[in-house]
C-alpha cells in the first residue's frame, strides 16, 4: 500500500481519531512519516475530515520538549493543538475512562493507549490512526497504521 491508498482510506471516513504519534511525527518533521502526516493534517485542516484525540495527547506530546527543558517548544505545540481547525481535544471523562477499562481488559492495552481508543469510540470515530502494532488486535473500529502506507 502507499500514499494513494492512505488518501483513499481517509476518504471513507468523516471522523478519524489520532494517536499521539501522528502529532509527534508531524511536529518533529519525521522524514519517514512526514509525507503521510502532511496528507492527514491537510485533509483535517481543509475540513475534508474531522479529527479527535484524547487530552492525553497533550501530556504525551509535551513530555519530550519539557524533558529537554524546551518550554518554548512545549508552548508552541500546545498552541498548535489549541488552534488546529477541525480537531477536537477530548478530556477524559467517566464514560471514556470506563470504556478504556474495557479495552485494557479485553486487549491488554496500556492505559494511555486504552484511553486514546476509548476516546475514539466514545466520540464516534470510525478510524483510528496510529503506528502501534498492538492496535491491530482491536475490533470495532478501523485501525490504520502509518507503516502500512509507506
C-alpha atoms as a PDB file:
ATOM      1  CA  UNK A   1       0.000   0.000   0.000  1.00  0.00           C
ATOM      2  CA  UNK A   2       1.082   3.583  -0.494  1.00  0.00           C
ATOM      3  CA  UNK A   3       0.069   7.206  -0.104  1.00  0.00           C
ATOM      4  CA  UNK A   4      -2.786   6.928  -2.604  1.00  0.00           C
ATOM      5  CA  UNK A   5      -4.220   4.047  -0.577  1.00  0.00           C
ATOM      6  CA  UNK A   6      -3.952   6.184   2.558  1.00  0.00           C
ATOM      7  CA  UNK A   7      -5.807   9.038   0.845  1.00  0.00           C
ATOM      8  CA  UNK A   8      -8.496   6.606  -0.322  1.00  0.00           C
ATOM      9  CA  UNK A   9      -8.856   5.199   3.186  1.00  0.00           C
ATOM     10  CA  UNK A  10      -9.221   8.648   4.720  1.00  0.00           C
ATOM     11  CA  UNK A  11     -11.848   9.471   2.106  1.00  0.00           C
ATOM     12  CA  UNK A  12     -14.083   6.719   3.505  1.00  0.00           C
ATOM     13  CA  UNK A  13     -14.302   8.355   6.936  1.00  0.00           C
ATOM     14  CA  UNK A  14     -15.794  11.605   8.222  1.00  0.00           C
ATOM     15  CA  UNK A  15     -14.338  11.407  11.736  1.00  0.00           C
ATOM     16  CA  UNK A  16     -10.930   9.926  12.490  1.00  0.00           C
ATOM     17  CA  UNK A  17      -9.113   9.613  15.790  1.00  0.00           C
ATOM     18  CA  UNK A  18      -5.411  10.318  16.038  1.00  0.00           C
ATOM     19  CA  UNK A  19      -2.853   8.685  18.267  1.00  0.00           C
ATOM     20  CA  UNK A  20      -0.127  10.916  19.681  1.00  0.00           C
ATOM     21  CA  UNK A  21       2.492   9.567  17.279  1.00  0.00           C
ATOM     22  CA  UNK A  22       0.734  11.353  14.387  1.00  0.00           C
ATOM     23  CA  UNK A  23       1.407  14.696  16.049  1.00  0.00           C
ATOM     24  CA  UNK A  24       4.958  13.830  17.087  1.00  0.00           C
ATOM     25  CA  UNK A  25       5.905  12.663  13.592  1.00  0.00           C
ATOM     26  CA  UNK A  26       4.380  15.777  12.072  1.00  0.00           C
ATOM     27  CA  UNK A  27       5.652  18.386  14.500  1.00  0.00           C
ATOM     28  CA  UNK A  28       9.146  16.892  14.506  1.00  0.00           C
ATOM     29  CA  UNK A  29       9.102  16.568  10.677  1.00  0.00           C
ATOM     30  CA  UNK A  30       9.974  12.878  10.846  1.00  0.00           C
ATOM     31  CA  UNK A  31      11.358  12.132   7.373  1.00  0.00           C
ATOM     32  CA  UNK A  32       9.835   8.670   7.199  1.00  0.00           C
ATOM     33  CA  UNK A  33       6.281   9.652   8.147  1.00  0.00           C
ATOM     34  CA  UNK A  34       6.035  13.331   7.168  1.00  0.00           C
ATOM     35  CA  UNK A  35       4.549  12.641   3.711  1.00  0.00           C
ATOM     36  CA  UNK A  36       1.673  10.748   5.340  1.00  0.00           C
ATOM     37  CA  UNK A  37       1.142  13.165   8.218  1.00  0.00           C
ATOM     38  CA  UNK A  38       1.119  16.081   5.765  1.00  0.00           C
ATOM     39  CA  UNK A  39      -1.682  14.372   3.838  1.00  0.00           C
ATOM     40  CA  UNK A  40      -3.540  13.586   7.046  1.00  0.00           C
ATOM     41  CA  UNK A  41      -3.314  17.031   8.613  1.00  0.00           C
ATOM     42  CA  UNK A  42      -4.018  18.791   5.311  1.00  0.00           C
ATOM     43  CA  UNK A  43      -7.277  16.862   4.928  1.00  0.00           C
ATOM     44  CA  UNK A  44      -8.211  17.744   8.515  1.00  0.00           C
ATOM     45  CA  UNK A  45      -7.266  21.396   8.111  1.00  0.00           C
ATOM     46  CA  UNK A  46      -9.270  21.674   4.873  1.00  0.00           C
ATOM     47  CA  UNK A  47     -12.303  20.097   6.527  1.00  0.00           C
ATOM     48  CA  UNK A  48     -12.393  17.006   4.299  1.00  0.00           C
ATOM     49  CA  UNK A  49     -12.374  15.036   7.544  1.00  0.00           C
ATOM     50  CA  UNK A  50     -12.666  15.921  11.207  1.00  0.00           C
ATOM     51  CA  UNK A  51     -10.441  14.500  13.902  1.00  0.00           C
ATOM     52  CA  UNK A  52     -10.444  13.793  17.602  1.00  0.00           C
ATOM     53  CA  UNK A  53      -7.713  12.904  20.027  1.00  0.00           C
ATOM     54  CA  UNK A  54      -7.607  12.408  23.764  1.00  0.00           C
ATOM     55  CA  UNK A  55      -6.319  15.102  26.072  1.00  0.00           C
ATOM     56  CA  UNK A  56      -3.670  12.526  26.943  1.00  0.00           C
ATOM     57  CA  UNK A  57      -2.099  13.507  23.611  1.00  0.00           C
ATOM     58  CA  UNK A  58      -1.218  16.842  25.140  1.00  0.00           C
ATOM     59  CA  UNK A  59       0.571  15.106  28.014  1.00  0.00           C
ATOM     60  CA  UNK A  60       2.473  12.780  25.712  1.00  0.00           C
ATOM     61  CA  UNK A  61       3.314  15.498  23.193  1.00  0.00           C
ATOM     62  CA  UNK A  62       4.647  17.983  25.738  1.00  0.00           C
ATOM     63  CA  UNK A  63       6.749  15.475  27.670  1.00  0.00           C
ATOM     64  CA  UNK A  64       9.657  15.397  25.202  1.00  0.00           C
ATOM     65  CA  UNK A  65      10.201  19.158  24.989  1.00  0.00           C
ATOM     66  CA  UNK A  66       9.727  19.566  28.737  1.00  0.00           C
ATOM     67  CA  UNK A  67      12.192  16.771  29.461  1.00  0.00           C
ATOM     68  CA  UNK A  68      14.719  18.688  27.355  1.00  0.00           C
ATOM     69  CA  UNK A  69      13.906  21.929  29.163  1.00  0.00           C
ATOM     70  CA  UNK A  70      12.472  23.421  25.979  1.00  0.00           C
ATOM     71  CA  UNK A  71       9.415  25.161  27.410  1.00  0.00           C
ATOM     72  CA  UNK A  72       9.104  27.379  24.333  1.00  0.00           C
ATOM     73  CA  UNK A  73       8.657  24.339  22.093  1.00  0.00           C
ATOM     74  CA  UNK A  74       6.178  22.812  24.538  1.00  0.00           C
ATOM     75  CA  UNK A  75       4.190  26.043  24.451  1.00  0.00           C
ATOM     76  CA  UNK A  76       4.306  26.089  20.646  1.00  0.00           C
ATOM     77  CA  UNK A  77       2.960  22.517  20.488  1.00  0.00           C
ATOM     78  CA  UNK A  78       0.223  23.401  22.951  1.00  0.00           C
ATOM     79  CA  UNK A  79      -0.792  26.441  20.905  1.00  0.00           C
ATOM     80  CA  UNK A  80      -0.804  24.427  17.668  1.00  0.00           C
ATOM     81  CA  UNK A  81      -3.152  21.860  19.183  1.00  0.00           C
ATOM     82  CA  UNK A  82      -5.434  24.551  20.577  1.00  0.00           C
ATOM     83  CA  UNK A  83      -5.984  26.311  17.251  1.00  0.00           C
ATOM     84  CA  UNK A  84      -5.850  23.454  14.753  1.00  0.00           C
ATOM     85  CA  UNK A  85      -9.087  23.508  12.748  1.00  0.00           C
ATOM     86  CA  UNK A  86     -11.445  20.524  12.704  1.00  0.00           C
ATOM     87  CA  UNK A  87      -9.599  18.858  15.579  1.00  0.00           C
ATOM     88  CA  UNK A  88     -11.238  18.237  18.934  1.00  0.00           C
ATOM     89  CA  UNK A  89      -9.129  17.540  22.002  1.00  0.00           C
ATOM     90  CA  UNK A  90     -11.356  15.418  24.217  1.00  0.00           C
ATOM     91  CA  UNK A  91     -10.914  15.375  28.000  1.00  0.00           C
ATOM     92  CA  UNK A  92     -11.076  12.038  29.747  1.00  0.00           C
ATOM     93  CA  UNK A  93     -14.463  11.737  31.426  1.00  0.00           C
ATOM     94  CA  UNK A  94     -16.226   8.948  33.293  1.00  0.00           C
ATOM     95  CA  UNK A  95     -17.575   7.273  30.131  1.00  0.00           C
ATOM     96  CA  UNK A  96     -14.194   7.303  28.394  1.00  0.00           C
ATOM     97  CA  UNK A  97     -12.385   6.024  31.492  1.00  0.00           C
ATOM     98  CA  UNK A  98     -14.866   3.150  31.875  1.00  0.00           C
ATOM     99  CA  UNK A  99     -14.591   2.224  28.182  1.00  0.00           C
ATOM    100  CA  UNK A 100     -10.795   2.352  28.460  1.00  0.00           C
ATOM    101  CA  UNK A 101     -11.008  -0.242  31.237  1.00  0.00           C
ATOM    102  CA  UNK A 102     -12.894  -2.498  28.808  1.00  0.00           C
ATOM    103  CA  UNK A 103     -10.113  -2.121  26.237  1.00  0.00           C
ATOM    104  CA  UNK A 104      -7.418  -2.773  28.840  1.00  0.00           C
ATOM    105  CA  UNK A 105      -9.187  -5.919  29.992  1.00  0.00           C
ATOM    106  CA  UNK A 106     -10.059  -7.253  26.539  1.00  0.00           C
ATOM    107  CA  UNK A 107      -6.952  -6.341  24.537  1.00  0.00           C
ATOM    108  CA  UNK A 108      -4.289  -5.863  27.255  1.00  0.00           C
ATOM    109  CA  UNK A 109      -3.608  -2.278  26.148  1.00  0.00           C
ATOM    110  CA  UNK A 110      -1.569   0.138  28.218  1.00  0.00           C
ATOM    111  CA  UNK A 111      -3.660   2.817  29.934  1.00  0.00           C
ATOM    112  CA  UNK A 112      -2.694   5.695  27.580  1.00  0.00           C
ATOM    113  CA  UNK A 113      -3.480   3.545  24.534  1.00  0.00           C
ATOM    114  CA  UNK A 114      -6.766   2.382  26.011  1.00  0.00           C
ATOM    115  CA  UNK A 115      -7.736   5.997  26.737  1.00  0.00           C
ATOM    116  CA  UNK A 116      -6.918   7.030  23.161  1.00  0.00           C
ATOM    117  CA  UNK A 117      -9.004   4.200  21.755  1.00  0.00           C
ATOM    118  CA  UNK A 118     -11.890   4.782  24.175  1.00  0.00           C
ATOM    119  CA  UNK A 119     -11.933   8.448  23.184  1.00  0.00           C
ATOM    120  CA  UNK A 120     -12.153   7.433  19.530  1.00  0.00           C
ATOM    121  CA  UNK A 121     -15.032   5.030  20.098  1.00  0.00           C
ATOM    122  CA  UNK A 122     -16.961   7.258  22.502  1.00  0.00           C
ATOM    123  CA  UNK A 123     -16.762  10.211  20.085  1.00  0.00           C
ATOM    124  CA  UNK A 124     -17.921   8.083  17.132  1.00  0.00           C
ATOM    125  CA  UNK A 125     -14.715   7.956  15.094  1.00  0.00           C
ATOM    126  CA  UNK A 126     -14.669   5.163  12.529  1.00  0.00           C
ATOM    127  CA  UNK A 127     -10.906   5.096  12.011  1.00  0.00           C
ATOM    128  CA  UNK A 128      -8.028   5.254  14.486  1.00  0.00           C
ATOM    129  CA  UNK A 129      -4.679   6.350  13.009  1.00  0.00           C
ATOM    130  CA  UNK A 130      -1.611   5.148  14.862  1.00  0.00           C
ATOM    131  CA  UNK A 131       1.610   3.303  14.274  1.00  0.00           C
ATOM    132  CA  UNK A 132       1.388   0.880  17.175  1.00  0.00           C
ATOM    133  CA  UNK A 133       1.022  -2.747  16.091  1.00  0.00           C
ATOM    134  CA  UNK A 134      -0.825  -3.580  19.317  1.00  0.00           C
ATOM    135  CA  UNK A 135      -3.907  -1.823  17.977  1.00  0.00           C
ATOM    136  CA  UNK A 136      -4.201  -4.367  15.140  1.00  0.00           C
ATOM    137  CA  UNK A 137      -5.896  -6.832  17.502  1.00  0.00           C
ATOM    138  CA  UNK A 138      -8.676  -4.355  18.396  1.00  0.00           C
ATOM    139  CA  UNK A 139     -12.111  -4.926  16.914  1.00  0.00           C
ATOM    140  CA  UNK A 140     -14.971  -2.460  16.460  1.00  0.00           C
ATOM    141  CA  UNK A 141     -13.101   0.430  14.813  1.00  0.00           C
ATOM    142  CA  UNK A 142     -10.919   0.669  11.741  1.00  0.00           C
ATOM    143  CA  UNK A 143      -7.214   0.818  12.504  1.00  0.00           C
ATOM    144  CA  UNK A 144      -4.716   2.455  10.147  1.00  0.00           C
ATOM    145  CA  UNK A 145      -1.028   2.010  10.887  1.00  0.00           C
ATOM    146  CA  UNK A 146       1.168   4.540   9.125  1.00  0.00           C
ATOM    147  CA  UNK A 147       3.840   1.918   8.419  1.00  0.00           C
ATOM    148  CA  UNK A 148       1.326   0.070   6.237  1.00  0.00           C
ATOM    149  CA  UNK A 149       1.156   3.042   3.849  1.00  0.00           C
ATOM    150  CA  UNK A 150       4.852   3.735   3.259  1.00  0.00           C
END
